[in-house]
Amino acid sequence: MGPRSQRWLGASRTRARPAAVRAKPAASARVADLHGAPQQRERGPEFVVVLVSDAFDGVPWLERVYVAGNLWDADEMGARADMHCYTPAELERRVQRLRAVREAVTGGLDLLTA
């Protein structure tokens, strides 16, 4: 994990006390470019970040995403990110319903241990 993502993770830990942070670089548009995806296509998100914390309990979902998104500096990180912020119970449901979350959880990089 690079210094940029370490700074972002540090700020996220301070605010959300996450139990888990997962990122899915393998599904990002940049990785697709490296694998020879055609240039004329609809690009997906550069990064998908899933924050999981008990501290999100009682915090409106939109507020969680707003705060996490503001901590992510797209200029410094090199691209925008899709933020997903859930409690552990919410994550279980979202993994079943949202492909991006499922892919991040099953095949993404765990930023807390990276």
PDB file of N, CA and C in Angstrom:
ATOM      1  N   MET A   1       0.851  -1.163   0.000  1.00  0.00           N
ATOM      2  CA  MET A   1       0.000   0.000   0.000  1.00  0.00           C
ATOM      3  C   MET A   1       0.899   1.229   0.000  1.00  0.00           C
ATOM      4  N   GLY A   2       0.579   2.177  -0.854  1.00  0.00           N
ATOM      5  CA  GLY A   2       1.396   3.366  -0.992  1.00  0.00           C
ATOM      6  C   GLY A   2       1.124   4.405   0.080  1.00  0.00           C
ATOM      7  N   PRO A   3       1.952   5.465   0.122  1.00  0.00           N
ATOM      8  CA  PRO A   3       1.789   6.492   1.150  1.00  0.00           C
ATOM      9  C   PRO A   3       0.460   7.243   1.042  1.00  0.00           C
ATOM     10  N   ARG A   4      -0.038   7.410  -0.164  1.00  0.00           N
ATOM     11  CA  ARG A   4      -1.321   8.106  -0.331  1.00  0.00           C
ATOM     12  C   ARG A   4      -2.445   7.322   0.325  1.00  0.00           C
ATOM     13  N   SER A   5      -2.520   6.037   0.017  1.00  0.00           N
ATOM     14  CA  SER A   5      -3.595   5.230   0.592  1.00  0.00           C
ATOM     15  C   SER A   5      -3.408   5.060   2.095  1.00  0.00           C
ATOM     16  N   GLN A   6      -2.179   5.066   2.581  1.00  0.00           N
ATOM     17  CA  GLN A   6      -1.951   4.986   4.019  1.00  0.00           C
ATOM     18  C   GLN A   6      -2.482   6.237   4.720  1.00  0.00           C
ATOM     19  N   ARG A   7      -2.284   7.420   4.127  1.00  0.00           N
ATOM     20  CA  ARG A   7      -2.807   8.654   4.720  1.00  0.00           C
ATOM     21  C   ARG A   7      -4.326   8.632   4.747  1.00  0.00           C
ATOM     22  N   TRP A   8      -4.940   8.187   3.633  1.00  0.00           N
ATOM     23  CA  TRP A   8      -6.400   8.118   3.580  1.00  0.00           C
ATOM     24  C   TRP A   8      -6.916   7.130   4.612  1.00  0.00           C
ATOM     25  N   LEU A   9      -6.273   5.983   4.710  1.00  0.00           N
ATOM     26  CA  LEU A   9      -6.703   4.970   5.662  1.00  0.00           C
ATOM     27  C   LEU A   9      -6.585   5.483   7.091  1.00  0.00           C
ATOM     28  N   GLY A  10      -5.515   6.214   7.386  1.00  0.00           N
ATOM     29  CA  GLY A  10      -5.358   6.789   8.714  1.00  0.00           C
ATOM     30  C   GLY A  10      -6.489   7.740   9.059  1.00  0.00           C
ATOM     31  N   ALA A  11      -6.877   8.575   8.111  1.00  0.00           N
ATOM     32  CA  ALA A  11      -7.988   9.499   8.340  1.00  0.00           C
ATOM     33  C   ALA A  11      -9.298   8.736   8.508  1.00  0.00           C
ATOM     34  N   SER A  12      -9.491   7.682   7.724  1.00  0.00           N
ATOM     35  CA  SER A  12     -10.708   6.881   7.826  1.00  0.00           C
ATOM     36  C   SER A  12     -10.787   6.169   9.170  1.00  0.00           C
ATOM     37  N   ARG A  13      -9.665   5.659   9.638  1.00  0.00           N
ATOM     38  CA  ARG A  13      -9.645   4.972  10.935  1.00  0.00           C
ATOM     39  C   ARG A  13     -10.032   5.931  12.058  1.00  0.00           C
ATOM     40  N   THR A  14      -9.561   7.167  11.963  1.00  0.00           N
ATOM     41  CA  THR A  14      -9.864   8.158  12.986  1.00  0.00           C
ATOM     42  C   THR A  14     -11.353   8.454  13.031  1.00  0.00           C
ATOM     43  N   ARG A  15     -11.974   8.552  11.872  1.00  0.00           N
ATOM     44  CA  ARG A  15     -13.383   8.931  11.810  1.00  0.00           C
ATOM     45  C   ARG A  15     -14.327   7.757  12.058  1.00  0.00           C
ATOM     46  N   ALA A  16     -14.064   6.597  11.436  1.00  0.00           N
ATOM     47  CA  ALA A  16     -15.043   5.505  11.439  1.00  0.00           C
ATOM     48  C   ALA A  16     -14.660   4.326  12.312  1.00  0.00           C
ATOM     49  N   ARG A  17     -13.402   4.255  12.767  1.00  0.00           N
ATOM     50  CA  ARG A  17     -12.912   3.083  13.482  1.00  0.00           C
ATOM     51  C   ARG A  17     -13.326   1.802  12.743  1.00  0.00           C
ATOM     52  N   PRO A  18     -12.915   1.664  11.482  1.00  0.00           N
ATOM     53  CA  PRO A  18     -13.400   0.532  10.700  1.00  0.00           C
ATOM     54  C   PRO A  18     -12.871  -0.798  11.200  1.00  0.00           C
ATOM     55  N   ALA A  19     -13.738  -1.787  11.138  1.00  0.00           N
ATOM     56  CA  ALA A  19     -13.341  -3.153  11.435  1.00  0.00           C
ATOM     57  C   ALA A  19     -12.695  -3.765  10.206  1.00  0.00           C
ATOM     58  N   ALA A  20     -13.067  -3.265   9.061  1.00  0.00           N
ATOM     59  CA  ALA A  20     -12.515  -3.774   7.810  1.00  0.00           C
ATOM     60  C   ALA A  20     -12.576  -2.692   6.754  1.00  0.00           C
ATOM     61  N   VAL A  21     -11.567  -2.635   5.936  1.00  0.00           N
ATOM     62  CA  VAL A  21     -11.569  -1.745   4.779  1.00  0.00           C
ATOM     63  C   VAL A  21     -11.139  -2.594   3.608  1.00  0.00           C
ATOM     64  N   ARG A  22     -11.963  -2.649   2.583  1.00  0.00           N
ATOM     65  CA  ARG A  22     -11.646  -3.457   1.418  1.00  0.00           C
ATOM     66  C   ARG A  22     -11.654  -2.557   0.188  1.00  0.00           C
ATOM     67  N   ALA A  23     -10.727  -2.771  -0.692  1.00  0.00           N
ATOM     68  CA  ALA A  23     -10.698  -2.057  -1.966  1.00  0.00           C
ATOM     69  C   ALA A  23     -10.618  -3.094  -3.064  1.00  0.00           C
ATOM     70  N   LYS A  24     -11.223  -2.812  -4.183  1.00  0.00           N
ATOM     71  CA  LYS A  24     -11.245  -3.772  -5.278  1.00  0.00           C
ATOM     72  C   LYS A  24     -10.480  -3.220  -6.462  1.00  0.00           C
ATOM     73  N   PRO A  25      -9.163  -3.254  -6.438  1.00  0.00           N
ATOM     74  CA  PRO A  25      -8.415  -2.766  -7.580  1.00  0.00           C
ATOM     75  C   PRO A  25      -8.560  -3.673  -8.798  1.00  0.00           C
ATOM     76  N   ALA A  26      -8.839  -4.945  -8.598  1.00  0.00           N
ATOM     77  CA  ALA A  26      -8.924  -5.877  -9.721  1.00  0.00           C
ATOM     78  C   ALA A  26     -10.121  -5.597 -10.621  1.00  0.00           C
ATOM     79  N   ALA A  27     -11.118  -4.881 -10.114  1.00  0.00           N
ATOM     80  CA  ALA A  27     -12.284  -4.561 -10.924  1.00  0.00           C
ATOM     81  C   ALA A  27     -12.264  -3.116 -11.398  1.00  0.00           C
ATOM     82  N   SER A  28     -11.182  -2.432 -11.148  1.00  0.00           N
ATOM     83  CA  SER A  28     -11.135  -1.025 -11.497  1.00  0.00           C
ATOM     84  C   SER A  28     -10.900  -0.830 -12.987  1.00  0.00           C
ATOM     85  N   ALA A  29     -11.208   0.363 -13.435  1.00  0.00           N
ATOM     86  CA  ALA A  29     -11.017   0.693 -14.846  1.00  0.00           C
ATOM     87  C   ALA A  29      -9.542   0.650 -15.226  1.00  0.00           C
ATOM     88  N   ARG A  30      -8.675   1.023 -14.312  1.00  0.00           N
ATOM     89  CA  ARG A  30      -7.242   1.016 -14.612  1.00  0.00           C
ATOM     90  C   ARG A  30      -6.722  -0.395 -14.855  1.00  0.00           C
ATOM     91  N   VAL A  31      -7.199  -1.332 -14.074  1.00  0.00           N
ATOM     92  CA  VAL A  31      -6.773  -2.713 -14.272  1.00  0.00           C
ATOM     93  C   VAL A  31      -7.300  -3.238 -15.600  1.00  0.00           C
ATOM     94  N   ALA A  32      -8.527  -2.874 -15.941  1.00  0.00           N
ATOM     95  CA  ALA A  32      -9.079  -3.284 -17.234  1.00  0.00           C
ATOM     96  C   ALA A  32      -8.220  -2.742 -18.380  1.00  0.00           C
ATOM     97  N   ASP A  33      -7.728  -1.521 -18.231  1.00  0.00           N
ATOM     98  CA  ASP A  33      -6.835  -0.956 -19.250  1.00  0.00           C
ATOM     99  C   ASP A  33      -5.590  -1.813 -19.412  1.00  0.00           C
ATOM    100  N   LEU A  34      -5.017  -2.231 -18.308  1.00  0.00           N
ATOM    101  CA  LEU A  34      -3.801  -3.049 -18.347  1.00  0.00           C
ATOM    102  C   LEU A  34      -4.030  -4.401 -19.006  1.00  0.00           C
ATOM    103  N   HIS A  35      -5.267  -4.875 -18.944  1.00  0.00           N
ATOM    104  CA  HIS A  35      -5.602  -6.163 -19.535  1.00  0.00           C
ATOM    105  C   HIS A  35      -6.099  -6.037 -20.975  1.00  0.00           C
ATOM    106  N   GLY A  36      -5.913  -4.861 -21.554  1.00  0.00           N
ATOM    107  CA  GLY A  36      -6.211  -4.686 -22.970  1.00  0.00           C
ATOM    108  C   GLY A  36      -7.644  -4.336 -23.309  1.00  0.00           C
ATOM    109  N   ALA A  37      -8.391  -3.789 -22.376  1.00  0.00           N
ATOM    110  CA  ALA A  37      -9.762  -3.385 -22.670  1.00  0.00           C
ATOM    111  C   ALA A  37      -9.733  -2.271 -23.713  1.00  0.00           C
ATOM    112  N   PRO A  38     -10.706  -2.274 -24.626  1.00  0.00           N
ATOM    113  CA  PRO A  38     -10.730  -1.235 -25.661  1.00  0.00           C
ATOM    114  C   PRO A  38     -10.897   0.158 -25.058  1.00  0.00           C
ATOM    115  N   GLN A  39     -10.302   1.148 -25.710  1.00  0.00           N
ATOM    116  CA  GLN A  39     -10.358   2.514 -25.186  1.00  0.00           C
ATOM    117  C   GLN A  39     -11.747   3.114 -25.274  1.00  0.00           C
ATOM    118  N   GLN A  40     -12.495   2.809 -26.296  1.00  0.00           N
ATOM    119  CA  GLN A  40     -13.831   3.366 -26.465  1.00  0.00           C
ATOM    120  C   GLN A  40     -14.834   2.486 -25.733  1.00  0.00           C
ATOM    121  N   ARG A  41     -14.946   2.696 -24.432  1.00  0.00           N
ATOM    122  CA  ARG A  41     -15.892   1.944 -23.629  1.00  0.00           C
ATOM    123  C   ARG A  41     -16.316   2.807 -22.445  1.00  0.00           C
ATOM    124  N   GLU A  42     -17.378   2.414 -21.811  1.00  0.00           N
ATOM    125  CA  GLU A  42     -17.791   3.110 -20.595  1.00  0.00           C
ATOM    126  C   GLU A  42     -16.907   2.627 -19.458  1.00  0.00           C
ATOM    127  N   ARG A  43     -16.211   3.566 -18.863  1.00  0.00           N
ATOM    128  CA  ARG A  43     -15.304   3.204 -17.775  1.00  0.00           C
ATOM    129  C   ARG A  43     -16.089   3.087 -16.473  1.00  0.00           C
ATOM    130  N   GLY A  44     -15.759   2.086 -15.727  1.00  0.00           N
ATOM    131  CA  GLY A  44     -16.318   1.946 -14.392  1.00  0.00           C
ATOM    132  C   GLY A  44     -15.512   2.790 -13.425  1.00  0.00           C
ATOM    133  N   PRO A  45     -15.778   2.624 -12.153  1.00  0.00           N
ATOM    134  CA  PRO A  45     -15.025   3.396 -11.159  1.00  0.00           C
ATOM    135  C   PRO A  45     -13.560   2.988 -11.142  1.00  0.00           C
ATOM    136  N   GLU A  46     -12.702   3.939 -10.873  1.00  0.00           N
ATOM    137  CA  GLU A  46     -11.282   3.643 -10.778  1.00  0.00           C
ATOM    138  C   GLU A  46     -10.998   2.788  -9.542  1.00  0.00           C
ATOM    139  N   PHE A  47     -11.685   3.081  -8.451  1.00  0.00           N
ATOM    140  CA  PHE A  47     -11.540   2.322  -7.213  1.00  0.00           C
ATOM    141  C   PHE A  47     -12.918   2.114  -6.600  1.00  0.00           C
ATOM    142  N   VAL A  48     -13.113   0.962  -5.976  1.00  0.00           N
ATOM    143  CA  VAL A  48     -14.297   0.687  -5.168  1.00  0.00           C
ATOM    144  C   VAL A  48     -13.785   0.425  -3.758  1.00  0.00           C
ATOM    145  N   VAL A  49     -14.231   1.225  -2.799  1.00  0.00           N
ATOM    146  CA  VAL A  49     -13.771   1.106  -1.422  1.00  0.00           C
ATOM    147  C   VAL A  49     -14.971   0.771  -0.541  1.00  0.00           C
ATOM    148  N   VAL A  50     -14.823  -0.270   0.277  1.00  0.00           N
ATOM    149  CA  VAL A  50     -15.870  -0.691   1.196  1.00  0.00           C
ATOM    150  C   VAL A  50     -15.339  -0.513   2.620  1.00  0.00           C
ATOM    151  N   LEU A  51     -15.980   0.362   3.363  1.00  0.00           N
ATOM    152  CA  LEU A  51     -15.646   0.570   4.779  1.00  0.00           C
ATOM    153  C   LEU A  51     -16.694  -0.137   5.625  1.00  0.00           C
ATOM    154  N   VAL A  52     -16.252  -0.904   6.597  1.00  0.00           N
ATOM    155  CA  VAL A  52     -17.164  -1.630   7.480  1.00  0.00           C
ATOM    156  C   VAL A  52     -16.823  -1.253   8.915  1.00  0.00           C
ATOM    157  N   SER A  53     -17.822  -0.768   9.650  1.00  0.00           N
ATOM    158  CA  SER A  53     -17.570  -0.344  11.022  1.00  0.00           C
ATOM    159  C   SER A  53     -18.848  -0.387  11.843  1.00  0.00           C
ATOM    160  N   ASP A  54     -18.729  -0.844  13.091  1.00  0.00           N
ATOM    161  CA  ASP A  54     -19.852  -0.759  14.021  1.00  0.00           C
ATOM    162  C   ASP A  54     -20.190   0.692  14.328  1.00  0.00           C
ATOM    163  N   ALA A  55     -19.212   1.580  14.169  1.00  0.00           N
ATOM    164  CA  ALA A  55     -19.427   3.006  14.449  1.00  0.00           C
ATOM    165  C   ALA A  55     -20.430   3.637  13.485  1.00  0.00           C
ATOM    166  N   PHE A  56     -20.724   2.977  12.370  1.00  0.00           N
ATOM    167  CA  PHE A  56     -21.711   3.507  11.425  1.00  0.00           C
ATOM    168  C   PHE A  56     -23.141   3.297  11.909  1.00  0.00           C
ATOM    169  N   ASP A  57     -23.339   2.456  12.914  1.00  0.00           N
ATOM    170  CA  ASP A  57     -24.677   2.190  13.418  1.00  0.00           C
ATOM    171  C   ASP A  57     -25.299   3.492  13.922  1.00  0.00           C
ATOM    172  N   GLY A  58     -26.457   3.835  13.399  1.00  0.00           N
ATOM    173  CA  GLY A  58     -27.147   5.054  13.782  1.00  0.00           C
ATOM    174  C   GLY A  58     -26.767   6.279  12.968  1.00  0.00           C
ATOM    175  N   VAL A  59     -25.741   6.154  12.112  1.00  0.00           N
ATOM    176  CA  VAL A  59     -25.331   7.269  11.255  1.00  0.00           C
ATOM    177  C   VAL A  59     -26.017   7.090   9.895  1.00  0.00           C
ATOM    178  N   PRO A  60     -26.716   8.107   9.411  1.00  0.00           N
ATOM    179  CA  PRO A  60     -27.376   7.973   8.109  1.00  0.00           C
ATOM    180  C   PRO A  60     -26.372   7.584   7.016  1.00  0.00           C
ATOM    181  N   TRP A  61     -26.807   6.718   6.116  1.00  0.00           N
ATOM    182  CA  TRP A  61     -25.932   6.184   5.078  1.00  0.00           C
ATOM    183  C   TRP A  61     -25.322   7.311   4.239  1.00  0.00           C
ATOM    184  N   LEU A  62     -26.114   8.276   3.862  1.00  0.00           N
ATOM    185  CA  LEU A  62     -25.611   9.355   3.019  1.00  0.00           C
ATOM    186  C   LEU A  62     -24.518  10.149   3.728  1.00  0.00           C
ATOM    187  N   GLU A  63     -24.650  10.337   5.019  1.00  0.00           N
ATOM    188  CA  GLU A  63     -23.626  11.041   5.785  1.00  0.00           C
ATOM    189  C   GLU A  63     -22.319  10.241   5.815  1.00  0.00           C
ATOM    190  N   ARG A  64     -22.425   8.932   5.964  1.00  0.00           N
ATOM    191  CA  ARG A  64     -21.237   8.067   5.959  1.00  0.00           C
ATOM    192  C   ARG A  64     -20.463   8.207   4.653  1.00  0.00           C
ATOM    193  N   VAL A  65     -21.197   8.099   3.554  1.00  0.00           N
ATOM    194  CA  VAL A  65     -20.576   8.158   2.225  1.00  0.00           C
ATOM    195  C   VAL A  65     -19.990   9.544   1.979  1.00  0.00           C
ATOM    196  N   TYR A  66     -20.685  10.579   2.409  1.00  0.00           N
ATOM    197  CA  TYR A  66     -20.203  11.951   2.234  1.00  0.00           C
ATOM    198  C   TYR A  66     -18.875  12.154   2.954  1.00  0.00           C
ATOM    199  N   VAL A  67     -18.794  11.728   4.210  1.00  0.00           N
ATOM    200  CA  VAL A  67     -17.573  11.899   4.989  1.00  0.00           C
ATOM    201  C   VAL A  67     -16.436  11.077   4.379  1.00  0.00           C
ATOM    202  N   ALA A  68     -16.689   9.823   4.054  1.00  0.00           N
ATOM    203  CA  ALA A  68     -15.649   8.967   3.461  1.00  0.00           C
ATOM    204  C   ALA A  68     -15.183   9.533   2.129  1.00  0.00           C
ATOM    205  N   GLY A  69     -16.118  10.010   1.332  1.00  0.00           N
ATOM    206  CA  GLY A  69     -15.756  10.592   0.042  1.00  0.00           C
ATOM    207  C   GLY A  69     -14.920  11.845   0.175  1.00  0.00           C
ATOM    208  N   ASN A  70     -15.206  12.649   1.194  1.00  0.00           N
ATOM    209  CA  ASN A  70     -14.421  13.868   1.421  1.00  0.00           C
ATOM    210  C   ASN A  70     -13.015  13.555   1.912  1.00  0.00           C
ATOM    211  N   LEU A  71     -12.848  12.448   2.592  1.00  0.00           N
ATOM    212  CA  LEU A  71     -11.513  12.052   3.044  1.00  0.00           C
ATOM    213  C   LEU A  71     -10.656  11.543   1.890  1.00  0.00           C
ATOM    214  N   TRP A  72     -11.308  11.042   0.848  1.00  0.00           N
ATOM    215  CA  TRP A  72     -10.600  10.524  -0.336  1.00  0.00           C
ATOM    216  C   TRP A  72     -10.265  11.712  -1.238  1.00  0.00           C
ATOM    217  N   ASP A  73      -9.010  12.019  -1.401  1.00  0.00           N
ATOM    218  CA  ASP A  73      -8.563  13.115  -2.259  1.00  0.00           C
ATOM    219  C   ASP A  73      -8.259  12.547  -3.639  1.00  0.00           C
ATOM    220  N   ALA A  74      -9.186  12.725  -4.561  1.00  0.00           N
ATOM    221  CA  ALA A  74      -9.031  12.130  -5.895  1.00  0.00           C
ATOM    222  C   ALA A  74      -7.786  12.640  -6.607  1.00  0.00           C
ATOM    223  N   ASP A  75      -7.429  13.883  -6.389  1.00  0.00           N
ATOM    224  CA  ASP A  75      -6.211  14.411  -7.025  1.00  0.00           C
ATOM    225  C   ASP A  75      -4.968  13.714  -6.489  1.00  0.00           C
ATOM    226  N   GLU A  76      -4.926  13.545  -5.179  1.00  0.00           N
ATOM    227  CA  GLU A  76      -3.767  12.893  -4.587  1.00  0.00           C
ATOM    228  C   GLU A  76      -3.740  11.396  -4.869  1.00  0.00           C
ATOM    229  N   MET A  77      -4.916  10.755  -4.836  1.00  0.00           N
ATOM    230  CA  MET A  77      -4.983   9.310  -5.042  1.00  0.00           C
ATOM    231  C   MET A  77      -4.910   8.940  -6.525  1.00  0.00           C
ATOM    232  N   GLY A  78      -5.101   9.900  -7.386  1.00  0.00           N
ATOM    233  CA  GLY A  78      -4.975   9.639  -8.812  1.00  0.00           C
ATOM    234  C   GLY A  78      -6.277   9.323  -9.518  1.00  0.00           C
ATOM    235  N   ALA A  79      -7.361   9.159  -8.770  1.00  0.00           N
ATOM    236  CA  ALA A  79      -8.651   8.862  -9.386  1.00  0.00           C
ATOM    237  C   ALA A  79      -9.740   8.914  -8.318  1.00  0.00           C
ATOM    238  N   ARG A  80     -10.958   8.992  -8.784  1.00  0.00           N
ATOM    239  CA  ARG A  80     -12.099   8.980  -7.873  1.00  0.00           C
ATOM    240  C   ARG A  80     -12.346   7.552  -7.382  1.00  0.00           C
ATOM    241  N   ALA A  81     -13.168   7.438  -6.355  1.00  0.00           N
ATOM    242  CA  ALA A  81     -13.513   6.129  -5.807  1.00  0.00           C
ATOM    243  C   ALA A  81     -15.004   6.079  -5.507  1.00  0.00           C
ATOM    244  N   ASP A  82     -15.580   4.912  -5.683  1.00  0.00           N
ATOM    245  CA  ASP A  82     -16.944   4.668  -5.221  1.00  0.00           C
ATOM    246  C   ASP A  82     -16.840   4.191  -3.784  1.00  0.00           C
ATOM    247  N   MET A  83     -17.472   4.919  -2.870  1.00  0.00           N
ATOM    248  CA  MET A  83     -17.418   4.588  -1.454  1.00  0.00           C
ATOM    249  C   MET A  83     -18.671   3.832  -1.041  1.00  0.00           C
ATOM    250  N   HIS A  84     -18.466   2.786  -0.279  1.00  0.00           N
ATOM    251  CA  HIS A  84     -19.558   2.006   0.300  1.00  0.00           C
ATOM    252  C   HIS A  84     -19.252   1.887   1.788  1.00  0.00           C
ATOM    253  N   CYS A  85     -20.155   2.380   2.641  1.00  0.00           N
ATOM    254  CA  CYS A  85     -19.925   2.417   4.083  1.00  0.00           C
ATOM    255  C   CYS A  85     -21.058   1.680   4.788  1.00  0.00           C
ATOM    256  N   TYR A  86     -20.731   0.579   5.460  1.00  0.00           N
ATOM    257  CA  TYR A  86     -21.751  -0.277   6.058  1.00  0.00           C
ATOM    258  C   TYR A  86     -21.368  -0.734   7.456  1.00  0.00           C
ATOM    259  N   THR A  87     -22.384  -1.083   8.234  1.00  0.00           N
ATOM    260  CA  THR A  87     -22.158  -1.824   9.464  1.00  0.00           C
ATOM    261  C   THR A  87     -21.930  -3.278   9.047  1.00  0.00           C
ATOM    262  N   PRO A  88     -21.395  -4.124   9.930  1.00  0.00           N
ATOM    263  CA  PRO A  88     -21.215  -5.531   9.554  1.00  0.00           C
ATOM    264  C   PRO A  88     -22.517  -6.210   9.108  1.00  0.00           C
ATOM    265  N   ALA A  89     -23.620  -5.921   9.781  1.00  0.00           N
ATOM    266  CA  ALA A  89     -24.904  -6.533   9.393  1.00  0.00           C
ATOM    267  C   ALA A  89     -25.345  -6.049   8.014  1.00  0.00           C
ATOM    268  N   GLU A  90     -25.177  -4.763   7.741  1.00  0.00           N
ATOM    269  CA  GLU A  90     -25.545  -4.226   6.419  1.00  0.00           C
ATOM    270  C   GLU A  90     -24.681  -4.836   5.332  1.00  0.00           C
ATOM    271  N   LEU A  91     -23.407  -5.037   5.637  1.00  0.00           N
ATOM    272  CA  LEU A  91     -22.501  -5.604   4.634  1.00  0.00           C
ATOM    273  C   LEU A  91     -22.977  -6.975   4.183  1.00  0.00           C
ATOM    274  N   GLU A  92     -23.427  -7.801   5.096  1.00  0.00           N
ATOM    275  CA  GLU A  92     -23.918  -9.132   4.727  1.00  0.00           C
ATOM    276  C   GLU A  92     -25.016  -9.044   3.672  1.00  0.00           C
ATOM    277  N   ARG A  93     -25.935  -8.103   3.832  1.00  0.00           N
ATOM    278  CA  ARG A  93     -27.022  -7.931   2.856  1.00  0.00           C
ATOM    279  C   ARG A  93     -26.504  -7.362   1.531  1.00  0.00           C
ATOM    280  N   ARG A  94     -25.611  -6.383   1.613  1.00  0.00           N
ATOM    281  CA  ARG A  94     -25.113  -5.723   0.405  1.00  0.00           C
ATOM    282  C   ARG A  94     -24.261  -6.661  -0.447  1.00  0.00           C
ATOM    283  N   VAL A  95     -23.539  -7.562   0.182  1.00  0.00           N
ATOM    284  CA  VAL A  95     -22.731  -8.523  -0.571  1.00  0.00           C
ATOM    285  C   VAL A  95     -23.642  -9.357  -1.478  1.00  0.00           C
ATOM    286  N   GLN A  96     -24.828  -9.661  -1.004  1.00  0.00           N
ATOM    287  CA  GLN A  96     -25.776 -10.448  -1.796  1.00  0.00           C
ATOM    288  C   GLN A  96     -26.395  -9.637  -2.930  1.00  0.00           C
ATOM    289  N   ARG A  97     -26.554  -8.330  -2.730  1.00  0.00           N
ATOM    290  CA  ARG A  97     -27.312  -7.509  -3.679  1.00  0.00           C
ATOM    291  C   ARG A  97     -26.470  -6.693  -4.646  1.00  0.00           C
ATOM    292  N   LEU A  98     -25.254  -6.317  -4.252  1.00  0.00           N
ATOM    293  CA  LEU A  98     -24.456  -5.414  -5.075  1.00  0.00           C
ATOM    294  C   LEU A  98     -23.178  -6.093  -5.559  1.00  0.00           C
ATOM    295  N   ARG A  99     -23.052  -6.197  -6.868  1.00  0.00           N
ATOM    296  CA  ARG A  99     -21.902  -6.882  -7.459  1.00  0.00           C
ATOM    297  C   ARG A  99     -20.569  -6.233  -7.074  1.00  0.00           C
ATOM    298  N   ALA A 100     -20.497  -4.905  -7.114  1.00  0.00           N
ATOM    299  CA  ALA A 100     -19.243  -4.214  -6.802  1.00  0.00           C
ATOM    300  C   ALA A 100     -18.797  -4.504  -5.373  1.00  0.00           C
ATOM    301  N   VAL A 101     -19.744  -4.526  -4.452  1.00  0.00           N
ATOM    302  CA  VAL A 101     -19.421  -4.818  -3.056  1.00  0.00           C
ATOM    303  C   VAL A 101     -18.987  -6.269  -2.921  1.00  0.00           C
ATOM    304  N   ARG A 102     -19.720  -7.164  -3.565  1.00  0.00           N
ATOM    305  CA  ARG A 102     -19.374  -8.591  -3.519  1.00  0.00           C
ATOM    306  C   ARG A 102     -17.961  -8.821  -4.043  1.00  0.00           C
ATOM    307  N   GLU A 103     -17.617  -8.209  -5.159  1.00  0.00           N
ATOM    308  CA  GLU A 103     -16.282  -8.379  -5.738  1.00  0.00           C
ATOM    309  C   GLU A 103     -15.203  -7.779  -4.842  1.00  0.00           C
ATOM    310  N   ALA A 104     -15.503  -6.644  -4.220  1.00  0.00           N
ATOM    311  CA  ALA A 104     -14.520  -6.033  -3.323  1.00  0.00           C
ATOM    312  C   ALA A 104     -14.266  -6.922  -2.106  1.00  0.00           C
ATOM    313  N   VAL A 105     -15.330  -7.485  -1.562  1.00  0.00           N
ATOM    314  CA  VAL A 105     -15.197  -8.312  -0.368  1.00  0.00           C
ATOM    315  C   VAL A 105     -14.521  -9.638  -0.687  1.00  0.00           C
ATOM    316  N   THR A 106     -14.879 -10.243  -1.801  1.00  0.00           N
ATOM    317  CA  THR A 106     -14.333 -11.573  -2.104  1.00  0.00           C
ATOM    318  C   THR A 106     -12.956 -11.526  -2.750  1.00  0.00           C
ATOM    319  N   GLY A 107     -12.657 -10.488  -3.505  1.00  0.00           N
ATOM    320  CA  GLY A 107     -11.388 -10.487  -4.217  1.00  0.00           C
ATOM    321  C   GLY A 107     -10.570  -9.224  -4.099  1.00  0.00           C
ATOM    322  N   GLY A 108     -11.001  -8.321  -3.251  1.00  0.00           N
ATOM    323  CA  GLY A 108     -10.297  -7.059  -3.121  1.00  0.00           C
ATOM    324  C   GLY A 108      -9.118  -7.143  -2.178  1.00  0.00           C
ATOM    325  N   LEU A 109      -8.446  -6.042  -2.074  1.00  0.00           N
ATOM    326  CA  LEU A 109      -7.290  -5.907  -1.203  1.00  0.00           C
ATOM    327  C   LEU A 109      -7.751  -5.411   0.155  1.00  0.00           C
ATOM    328  N   ASP A 110      -7.425  -6.138   1.227  1.00  0.00           N
ATOM    329  CA  ASP A 110      -7.778  -5.707   2.577  1.00  0.00           C
ATOM    330  C   ASP A 110      -6.751  -4.652   2.999  1.00  0.00           C
ATOM    331  N   LEU A 111      -7.165  -3.401   3.053  1.00  0.00           N
ATOM    332  CA  LEU A 111      -6.253  -2.309   3.318  1.00  0.00           C
ATOM    333  C   LEU A 111      -5.776  -2.257   4.761  1.00  0.00           C
ATOM    334  N   LEU A 112      -6.483  -2.901   5.677  1.00  0.00           N
ATOM    335  CA  LEU A 112      -6.037  -2.918   7.067  1.00  0.00           C
ATOM    336  C   LEU A 112      -4.856  -3.847   7.265  1.00  0.00           C
ATOM    337  N   THR A 113      -4.710  -4.844   6.407  1.00  0.00           N
ATOM    338  CA  THR A 113      -3.613  -5.788   6.550  1.00  0.00           C
ATOM    339  C   THR A 113      -2.562  -5.617   5.463  1.00  0.00           C
ATOM    340  N   ALA A 114      -2.829  -4.754   4.486  1.00  0.00           N
ATOM    341  CA  ALA A 114      -1.891  -4.571   3.361  1.00  0.00           C
ATOM    342  C   ALA A 114      -0.674  -3.803   3.778  1.00  0.00           C
TER     343      ALA A 114
END
